[in-house]
Protein backbone atom coordinates (compact mmCIF):
# COMPACT_ATOMS: atom_id res chain seq x y z
CA UNK A 1 -10.91 -8.91 -7.48
CA UNK A 2 -12.21 -5.96 -4.72
CA UNK A 3 -11.46 -6.49 -1.08
CA UNK A 4 -14.68 -7.79 -1.18
CA UNK A 5 -13.84 -10.40 -3.50
CA UNK A 6 -11.64 -11.67 -1.15
CA UNK A 7 -13.11 -14.63 0.47
CA UNK A 8 -13.53 -15.03 3.96
CA UNK A 9 -11.16 -17.69 5.70
CA UNK A 10 -13.51 -20.02 7.15
CA UNK A 11 -15.57 -20.31 3.99
CA UNK A 12 -12.30 -21.08 1.51
CA UNK A 13 -10.80 -23.60 3.97
CA UNK A 14 -14.39 -25.41 4.15
CA UNK A 15 -14.26 -25.40 0.50
CA UNK A 16 -10.80 -26.36 0.42
CA UNK A 17 -10.27 -24.29 -2.07
CA UNK A 18 -6.50 -22.81 -2.16
CA UNK A 19 -5.95 -20.76 -4.76
CA UNK A 20 -8.33 -17.67 -5.35
CA UNK A 21 -6.79 -16.60 -8.87
CA UNK A 22 -4.89 -13.08 -8.95
CA UNK A 23 -1.54 -15.45 -8.93
CA UNK A 24 1.19 -15.60 -11.17
CA UNK A 25 0.68 -17.66 -13.98
CA UNK A 26 -3.25 -17.29 -13.39
CA UNK A 27 -3.87 -13.57 -13.98
CA UNK A 28 -7.06 -12.42 -16.18
CA UNK A 29 -6.70 -9.94 -18.37
CA UNK A 30 -7.83 -6.78 -16.79
CA UNK A 31 -5.01 -8.52 -13.12
CA UNK A 32 -2.59 -8.83 -15.71
CA UNK A 33 -2.77 -5.12 -17.58
CA UNK A 34 -2.68 -4.04 -14.05
CA UNK A 35 0.44 -5.37 -12.67
CA UNK A 36 1.76 -4.34 -16.08
CA UNK A 37 0.82 -0.84 -14.92
CA UNK A 38 2.59 -1.16 -12.01
CA UNK A 39 5.30 -2.67 -13.11
CA UNK A 40 6.02 0.30 -15.61
CA UNK A 41 5.39 2.86 -12.51
CA UNK A 42 8.05 0.86 -9.97
CA UNK A 43 10.72 0.72 -12.59
CA UNK A 44 9.87 4.53 -13.37
CA UNK A 45 10.34 5.11 -9.38
CA UNK A 46 13.93 3.30 -9.91
CA UNK A 47 15.41 6.31 -11.94
CA UNK A 48 13.47 8.93 -10.02
CA UNK A 49 14.89 7.91 -6.84
CA UNK A 50 17.87 6.55 -7.84
CA UNK A 51 20.35 10.16 -6.62
CA UNK A 52 17.21 10.63 -3.61
CA UNK A 53 18.42 7.44 -1.02
CA UNK A 54 15.97 6.78 2.23
CA UNK A 55 17.67 8.37 4.96
CA UNK A 56 17.55 4.95 7.88
CA UNK A 57 16.63 7.39 10.38
CA UNK A 58 14.10 5.05 12.07
CA UNK A 59 16.11 2.09 12.71
CA UNK A 60 14.54 -1.00 14.53
CA UNK A 61 17.73 -2.78 14.66
CA UNK A 62 19.47 -0.46 16.75
CA UNK A 63 16.40 0.02 19.93
CA UNK A 64 17.53 -1.53 22.86
CA UNK A 65 20.61 -2.47 21.17
CA UNK A 66 23.24 -4.79 23.28
CA UNK A 67 24.37 -2.90 26.81
CA UNK A 68 27.96 -2.61 25.13
CA UNK A 69 30.05 -2.77 28.40
CA UNK A 70 27.40 -1.72 30.58
CA UNK A 71 26.95 -4.86 33.01
CA UNK A 72 23.87 -3.02 35.16
CA UNK A 73 21.66 -2.57 32.07
CA UNK A 74 22.92 -5.86 30.36
CA UNK A 75 21.90 -8.02 33.63
CA UNK A 76 18.17 -5.97 33.32
CA UNK A 77 15.37 -8.01 31.91
CA UNK A 78 13.44 -5.84 30.51
CA UNK A 79 16.14 -4.74 27.97
CA UNK A 80 18.92 -7.70 28.02
CA UNK A 81 19.16 -8.64 24.48
CA UNK A 82 20.13 -12.34 23.79
CA UNK A 83 23.60 -10.97 22.59
CA UNK A 84 23.69 -9.56 26.59
CA UNK A 85 22.93 -12.75 27.91
CA UNK A 86 25.52 -14.78 26.46
CA UNK A 87 28.71 -12.09 27.30
CA UNK A 88 27.43 -12.29 30.65
CA UNK A 89 27.75 -15.75 30.18
CA UNK A 90 31.45 -15.76 29.19
CA UNK A 91 30.21 -16.79 25.85
CA UNK A 92 32.88 -13.89 23.64
CA UNK A 93 32.92 -15.49 20.41
CA UNK A 94 31.33 -13.33 17.29
CA UNK A 95 28.21 -15.17 16.48
CA UNK A 96 27.53 -12.62 12.96
CA UNK A 97 30.13 -10.16 12.15
CA UNK A 98 30.19 -6.73 13.69
CA UNK A 99 30.20 -4.71 10.91
CA UNK A 100 26.94 -4.84 8.58
CA UNK A 101 27.58 -4.42 5.33
CA UNK A 102 24.02 -3.65 3.17
CA UNK A 103 23.34 -4.76 0.08
CA UNK A 104 24.49 -3.42 -3.60
CA UNK A 105 27.67 -1.29 -1.67
CA UNK A 106 24.61 1.17 0.38
CA UNK A 107 26.32 3.06 3.16
CA UNK A 108 24.91 2.03 6.49
CA UNK A 109 22.90 5.46 7.02
CA UNK A 110 20.92 5.60 4.06
CA UNK A 111 19.45 2.77 1.30
CA UNK A 112 18.52 3.44 -1.98
CA UNK A 113 14.44 2.48 -2.88
CA UNK A 114 15.56 0.17 -5.55
CA UNK A 115 17.96 -1.82 -3.49
CA UNK A 116 15.26 -2.08 -0.38
CA UNK A 117 12.76 -3.00 -3.17
CA UNK A 118 14.90 -5.77 -4.47
CA UNK A 119 15.54 -7.39 -0.86
CA UNK A 120 11.89 -7.41 0.24
CA UNK A 121 11.38 -9.54 -2.87
CA UNK A 122 14.19 -12.06 -1.52
CA UNK A 123 11.64 -13.07 0.76
CA UNK A 124 8.85 -14.38 -2.03
CA UNK A 125 9.33 -16.42 -4.79
CA UNK A 126 9.30 -14.01 -7.76
CA UNK A 127 9.17 -10.00 -7.49
CA UNK A 128 5.32 -10.50 -9.48
CA UNK A 129 4.36 -12.19 -6.53
CA UNK A 130 5.65 -9.02 -4.20
CA UNK A 131 3.45 -6.36 -6.32
CA UNK A 132 0.70 -8.80 -6.73
CA UNK A 133 -0.22 -9.09 -2.91
CA UNK A 134 -0.35 -5.29 -2.78
CA UNK A 135 -2.78 -5.08 -5.94
CA UNK A 136 -4.86 -7.77 -4.33
CA UNK A 137 -5.60 -5.77 -1.32
CA UNK A 138 -6.18 -2.54 -3.42
CA UNK A 139 -8.87 -4.16 -5.56
CA UNK A 140 -6.08 -4.22 -8.17
CA UNK A 141 -5.80 -0.27 -8.59
CA UNK A 142 -2.24 -0.24 -9.68
CA UNK A 143 -2.54 3.67 -8.71
CA UNK A 144 -3.40 2.46 -5.23
CA UNK A 145 -1.12 -0.17 -5.32
CA UNK A 146 1.99 1.54 -6.19
CA UNK A 147 1.31 3.86 -3.21
CA UNK A 148 1.34 1.29 -0.49
CA UNK A 149 4.67 -0.45 -2.49
CA UNK A 150 6.47 2.98 -2.55
CA UNK A 151 5.40 3.30 1.37
CA UNK A 152 6.45 -0.55 2.52
CA UNK A 153 9.80 -0.06 0.87
CA UNK A 154 10.62 3.55 2.59
CA UNK A 155 9.52 1.61 6.02
CA UNK A 156 11.75 -1.04 5.53
CA UNK A 157 14.55 1.19 4.70
CA UNK A 158 14.05 3.78 7.09
CA UNK A 159 13.57 1.30 10.04
CA UNK A 160 16.62 -0.86 8.69
CA UNK A 161 15.01 -3.90 8.73
CA UNK A 162 17.91 -5.68 6.71
CA UNK A 163 20.38 -5.17 9.27
CA UNK A 164 17.77 -6.65 12.06
CA UNK A 165 17.79 -9.60 10.33
CA UNK A 166 21.73 -9.41 10.20
CA UNK A 167 21.59 -9.90 13.43
CA UNK A 168 18.52 -11.93 14.07
CA UNK A 169 17.99 -13.08 17.43
CA UNK A 170 20.83 -12.37 18.66
CA UNK A 171 19.67 -8.54 18.98
CA UNK A 172 16.17 -9.80 20.02
CA UNK A 173 14.87 -9.47 23.91
CA UNK A 174 16.21 -12.48 25.82
CA UNK A 175 13.11 -12.40 28.01
CA UNK A 176 10.62 -12.92 25.34
CA UNK A 177 12.90 -15.48 23.12
CA UNK A 178 12.89 -17.93 26.19
CA UNK A 179 9.55 -16.98 27.28
CA UNK A 180 8.85 -18.19 23.07
CA UNK A 181 6.07 -15.66 22.71
CA UNK A 182 6.45 -16.93 19.04
CA UNK A 183 6.95 -19.83 16.84
CA UNK A 184 6.43 -21.99 13.96
CA UNK A 185 4.60 -25.24 15.00
CA UNK A 186 2.75 -27.76 12.16
CA UNK A 187 1.05 -26.83 8.82
CA UNK A 188 -2.66 -26.14 7.92
CA UNK A 189 -4.89 -27.85 5.54
CA UNK A 190 -3.27 -25.68 2.78
CA UNK A 191 0.32 -26.87 3.92
CA UNK A 192 1.68 -23.56 4.84
CA UNK A 193 3.12 -23.60 8.22
CA UNK A 194 1.15 -22.36 11.51
CA UNK A 195 3.23 -19.78 13.20
CA UNK A 196 1.72 -19.89 16.77
CA UNK A 197 1.57 -16.35 18.79
CA UNK A 198 1.24 -18.06 22.85
CA UNK A 199 -0.41 -15.16 24.26
CA UNK A 200 0.16 -16.30 28.16
CA UNK A 201 4.26 -15.52 27.56
CA UNK A 202 3.75 -12.18 27.10
CA UNK A 203 3.89 -9.97 30.13
CA UNK A 204 4.51 -6.17 29.29
CA UNK A 205 6.29 -5.59 32.70
CA UNK A 206 8.88 -7.83 32.17
CA UNK A 207 10.51 -6.27 29.21
CA UNK A 208 10.77 -2.53 27.47
CA UNK A 209 8.27 -1.04 24.62
CA UNK A 210 11.01 -0.65 22.55
CA UNK A 211 11.90 -4.28 22.89
CA UNK A 212 8.77 -5.41 22.13
CA UNK A 213 8.74 -3.66 18.95
CA UNK A 214 11.82 -4.93 17.70
CA UNK A 215 10.73 -7.87 18.33
CA UNK A 216 7.09 -7.65 16.59
CA UNK A 217 9.28 -6.51 13.13
CA UNK A 218 11.85 -9.20 13.83
CA UNK A 219 9.03 -11.87 14.42
CA UNK A 220 6.84 -10.43 11.45
CA UNK A 221 9.86 -10.69 8.87
CA UNK A 222 10.67 -14.32 10.44
CA UNK A 223 7.22 -15.79 9.11
CA UNK A 224 7.08 -13.96 6.33
CA UNK A 225 10.89 -15.36 5.40
CA UNK A 226 9.60 -18.59 6.61
CA UNK A 227 6.42 -18.45 4.24
CA UNK A 228 8.48 -18.22 1.22
CA UNK A 229 8.16 -21.71 -0.47
CA UNK A 230 4.63 -22.45 0.95
CA UNK A 231 3.41 -18.94 -0.20
CA UNK A 232 1.64 -17.65 2.99
CA UNK A 233 1.67 -19.18 6.73
CA UNK A 234 -0.96 -19.32 9.04
CA UNK A 235 -1.26 -17.18 12.47
CA UNK A 236 -2.66 -18.68 15.60
CA UNK A 237 -3.01 -16.53 18.67
CA UNK A 238 -3.10 -19.17 21.68
CA UNK A 239 -5.15 -17.33 24.44
CA UNK A 240 -4.80 -20.78 26.57
CA UNK A 241 -4.79 -19.93 30.28
CA UNK A 242 -3.99 -15.51 29.66
CA UNK A 243 -4.78 -13.08 31.65
CA UNK A 244 -5.64 -9.68 30.92
CA UNK A 245 -2.11 -8.74 32.22
CA UNK A 246 -0.94 -10.55 28.95
CA UNK A 247 -3.03 -8.61 26.54
CA UNK A 248 -0.84 -5.61 25.08
CA UNK A 249 -2.78 -3.83 22.85
CA UNK A 250 -0.49 -1.62 21.48
CA UNK A 251 1.70 -4.20 20.61
CA UNK A 252 -1.36 -5.99 18.94
CA UNK A 253 -1.96 -2.66 16.95
CA UNK A 254 1.59 -2.48 16.04
CA UNK A 255 0.87 -6.32 14.66
CA UNK A 256 -1.86 -5.67 12.70
CA UNK A 257 -0.66 -2.00 11.25
CA UNK A 258 2.47 -3.74 10.36
CA UNK A 259 1.14 -6.68 8.53
CA UNK A 260 -1.07 -4.80 6.53
CA UNK A 261 1.13 -1.97 5.56
CA UNK A 262 4.42 -4.53 5.09
CA UNK A 263 2.91 -8.01 4.52
CA UNK A 264 0.08 -7.73 2.76
CA UNK A 265 -1.78 -11.44 1.69
CA UNK A 266 1.05 -13.15 3.46
CA UNK A 267 -1.20 -14.74 6.06
CA UNK A 268 -3.46 -17.30 4.91
CA UNK A 269 -6.07 -16.91 8.04
CA UNK A 270 -6.14 -15.27 11.69
CA UNK A 271 -6.94 -18.02 14.18
CA UNK A 272 -7.46 -16.64 17.87
CA UNK A 273 -7.95 -19.95 19.83
CA UNK A 274 -10.03 -18.45 22.68
CA UNK A 275 -12.59 -19.67 24.92
CA UNK A 276 -13.37 -17.12 27.63
CA UNK A 277 -15.40 -14.33 28.18
CA UNK A 278 -12.36 -12.10 29.34
CA UNK A 279 -11.86 -12.12 25.39
CA UNK A 280 -15.72 -10.74 24.22
CA UNK A 281 -14.41 -6.48 25.13
CA UNK A 282 -10.77 -7.29 23.41
CA UNK A 283 -12.04 -8.60 20.06
CA UNK A 284 -14.47 -4.92 19.56
CA UNK A 285 -11.35 -3.42 19.79
CA UNK A 286 -9.33 -5.47 17.78
CA UNK A 287 -11.64 -6.04 14.65
CA UNK A 288 -11.69 -1.76 15.04
CA UNK A 289 -7.98 -1.76 14.09
CA UNK A 290 -8.39 -4.57 10.95
CA UNK A 291 -9.01 -3.76 7.41
CA UNK A 292 -11.33 -5.22 5.68
CA UNK A 293 -8.96 -7.64 3.66
CA UNK A 294 -7.40 -8.67 7.41
CA UNK A 295 -10.74 -8.70 9.22
CA UNK A 296 -12.05 -11.29 6.40
CA UNK A 297 -9.42 -13.60 6.83
CA UNK A 298 -9.26 -13.58 10.92
CA UNK A 299 -11.70 -16.21 12.73
CA UNK A 300 -12.25 -16.99 16.49
CA UNK A 301 -12.12 -20.92 17.02
CA UNK A 302 -12.88 -21.93 20.85
CA UNK A 303 -11.74 -25.77 20.72
CA UNK A 304 -9.86 -28.21 18.80
CA UNK A 305 -12.62 -29.24 16.85
CA UNK A 306 -13.35 -25.51 15.33
CA UNK A 307 -9.58 -25.34 14.70
CA UNK A 308 -9.57 -28.26 12.86
CA UNK A 309 -11.68 -26.56 10.15
CA UNK A 310 -8.18 -25.02 8.87
CA UNK A 311 -5.55 -27.28 10.86
CA UNK A 312 -5.98 -31.13 10.62
CA UNK A 313 -5.26 -32.43 14.17
CA UNK A 314 -2.37 -34.00 13.47
CA UNK A 315 -1.25 -31.01 13.15
CA UNK A 316 -2.67 -28.92 16.10
CA UNK A 317 0.17 -29.20 18.90
CA UNK A 318 -1.20 -31.28 21.72
CA UNK A 319 -1.82 -28.56 24.33
CA UNK A 320 -4.69 -27.49 22.22
CA UNK A 321 -6.37 -30.85 22.19
CA UNK A 322 -4.53 -31.94 18.71
CA UNK A 323 -1.70 -34.79 18.17
CA UNK A 324 1.24 -32.73 17.36
CA UNK A 325 3.62 -33.29 20.30
CA UNK A 326 5.28 -29.89 20.27
CA UNK A 327 7.12 -28.11 23.51
CA UNK A 328 8.88 -25.26 22.84
CA UNK A 329 12.64 -25.07 24.16
CA UNK A 330 15.02 -21.94 22.54
CA UNK A 331 18.58 -22.61 21.76
CA UNK A 332 21.41 -20.00 21.44
CA UNK A 333 22.62 -19.14 18.25
CA UNK A 334 26.14 -20.02 17.03
CA UNK A 335 28.36 -18.71 15.40
CA UNK A 336 28.65 -21.91 13.13
CA UNK A 337 25.09 -21.94 11.90
CA UNK A 338 26.58 -18.44 10.71
CA UNK A 339 29.47 -19.26 8.89
CA UNK A 340 28.66 -18.04 5.18
CA UNK A 341 28.34 -14.55 6.96
CA UNK A 342 31.71 -14.39 7.82
CA UNK A 343 32.59 -15.48 4.39
CA UNK A 344 33.18 -12.40 2.83
CA UNK A 345 34.60 -14.02 -1.15
CA UNK A 346 31.42 -16.04 -0.60
CA UNK A 347 29.14 -13.38 -0.59
CA UNK A 348 30.89 -11.20 -3.01
CA UNK A 349 30.06 -13.87 -5.53
CA UNK A 350 25.98 -14.49 -4.69
CA UNK A 351 25.91 -10.61 -4.45
CA UNK A 352 27.48 -10.26 -7.99
CA UNK A 353 25.09 -13.15 -9.03
CA UNK A 354 21.53 -11.03 -7.37
CA UNK A 355 22.27 -8.26 -9.29
CA UNK A 356 22.62 -9.73 -12.74
CA UNK A 357 19.31 -12.11 -11.94
CA UNK A 358 17.84 -8.54 -11.37
CA UNK A 359 19.46 -6.37 -13.97
CA UNK A 360 17.84 -10.28 -16.31
CA UNK A 361 14.23 -9.99 -14.69
CA UNK A 362 14.50 -5.78 -15.23
CA UNK A 363 15.57 -6.04 -18.82
CA UNK A 364 12.51 -8.61 -19.49
CA UNK A 365 9.90 -6.82 -17.18
CA UNK A 366 10.50 -3.76 -19.31
CA UNK A 367 10.27 -5.59 -22.51
CA UNK A 368 7.08 -6.89 -21.30
CA UNK A 369 5.89 -3.58 -20.40
CA UNK A 370 6.71 -2.18 -23.62
CA UNK A 371 5.23 -5.13 -25.53
CA UNK A 372 2.23 -6.48 -23.44
CA UNK A 373 1.63 -9.15 -26.05
CA UNK A 374 4.28 -10.93 -24.77
CA UNK A 375 2.50 -11.72 -21.49
CA UNK A 376 3.52 -11.74 -18.05
CA UNK A 377 4.79 -14.91 -18.08
CA UNK A 378 6.64 -15.46 -21.11
CA UNK A 379 9.04 -18.27 -21.60
CA UNK A 380 12.08 -15.02 -21.12
CA UNK A 381 10.46 -13.30 -18.36
CA UNK A 382 9.46 -16.63 -16.58
CA UNK A 383 13.25 -18.07 -16.87
CA UNK A 384 14.42 -14.71 -15.53
CA UNK A 385 11.94 -14.76 -12.31
CA UNK A 386 13.50 -18.65 -11.56
CA UNK A 387 16.76 -16.96 -11.34
CA UNK A 388 16.12 -14.70 -9.61
CA UNK A 389 14.29 -16.73 -7.55
CA UNK A 390 17.51 -19.11 -7.61
CA UNK A 391 20.37 -15.85 -6.84
CA UNK A 392 18.24 -14.95 -4.04
CA UNK A 393 18.01 -18.61 -2.15
CA UNK A 394 21.73 -18.51 -2.71
CA UNK A 395 22.56 -15.21 -1.22
CA UNK A 396 20.02 -15.75 1.69
CA UNK A 397 22.98 -17.28 3.96
CA UNK A 398 25.19 -14.54 3.68
CA UNK A 399 23.13 -11.58 4.32
CA UNK A 400 20.82 -12.79 7.50
CA UNK A 401 21.45 -14.91 10.69
CA UNK A 402 19.73 -18.28 10.80
CA UNK A 403 16.40 -18.43 13.29
CA UNK A 404 15.61 -20.63 15.96
CA UNK A 405 13.54 -22.73 13.78
CA UNK A 406 16.22 -23.56 11.57
CA UNK A 407 18.47 -23.73 14.08
CA UNK A 408 16.08 -26.74 15.38
CA UNK A 409 15.63 -28.65 12.53
């Protein structure tokens, strides 16, 4: 499968064909050979970088952070985080532990490549799924995919995505959270969650550039984690009642680039719900930033009838002409929902189980790399992958704050 083999979103949804091949348990001989080669290179890279940790030198988690006693800055809407707002309102109870502890005992200022890799794999059902996404967009070139995997994992470590999700929305712009720039509502026709970006909720003058960069990283990681069980998510931009002042090209370019670099194949379709002549020029600019794979999965839909190709009417929110009654309302985080993060003994046990699952999966993968006749989905390796999934699920509550969507449910 090359990039040109990736079907256009509209034709795939019209045909009702969810699977396009190239997935765990559905690989042809060429695809399996590419996955095996890629695993060989990734495992070798673990050893090569064991004594060369990645410095956390461009942390997004620390961008536009809490005011830390500066009342004037804490009250400034352009910089105010959810944590600042709670503090100003007199809520002083810690919602998450004050001290962030990276996985595998990494220090706060660096991450080992292998450790960052396994944490990235926690947001997909199996480690194979993580690598296969890069292989599909690389046209099954293990060489190209390897370069992209290394770049993605390195970026995650340098930007401290693990710490960003540790704080959750507590460290995010209060204004962006209250206005509901993005949320999840409904499922598409393949059962993927629909992630809605409400363009009119964006006001570049009401927040800092750092705040929106941080928000974009948080929102996309949240989307990917939320899509873990379904496999993918559909991204729906709602341009209803938007004005040119709501369109932030820098923010949009950041989102498009980040999806391509860190979350390949996570988005089933990107839908632009818009019926305005104002959008014509904007669309020309947006298309220029998209790689081929993203462009083939992006569709402009002008009304609910067109949107129904992708999302059944009863799953389209009422504000877009559908039958799903949904109103966004932000609920503040609480300590109770993050109780596991304060349980040091529970975390130690869950982390030890996760480390054991990683070791078992690595052992089975090395055996397959050495003997291709075993097959990528042989029983021992499939069992190790299932154990990895279970261990990652059990560890999750100890290492990240809950999302607003989890809070609401």
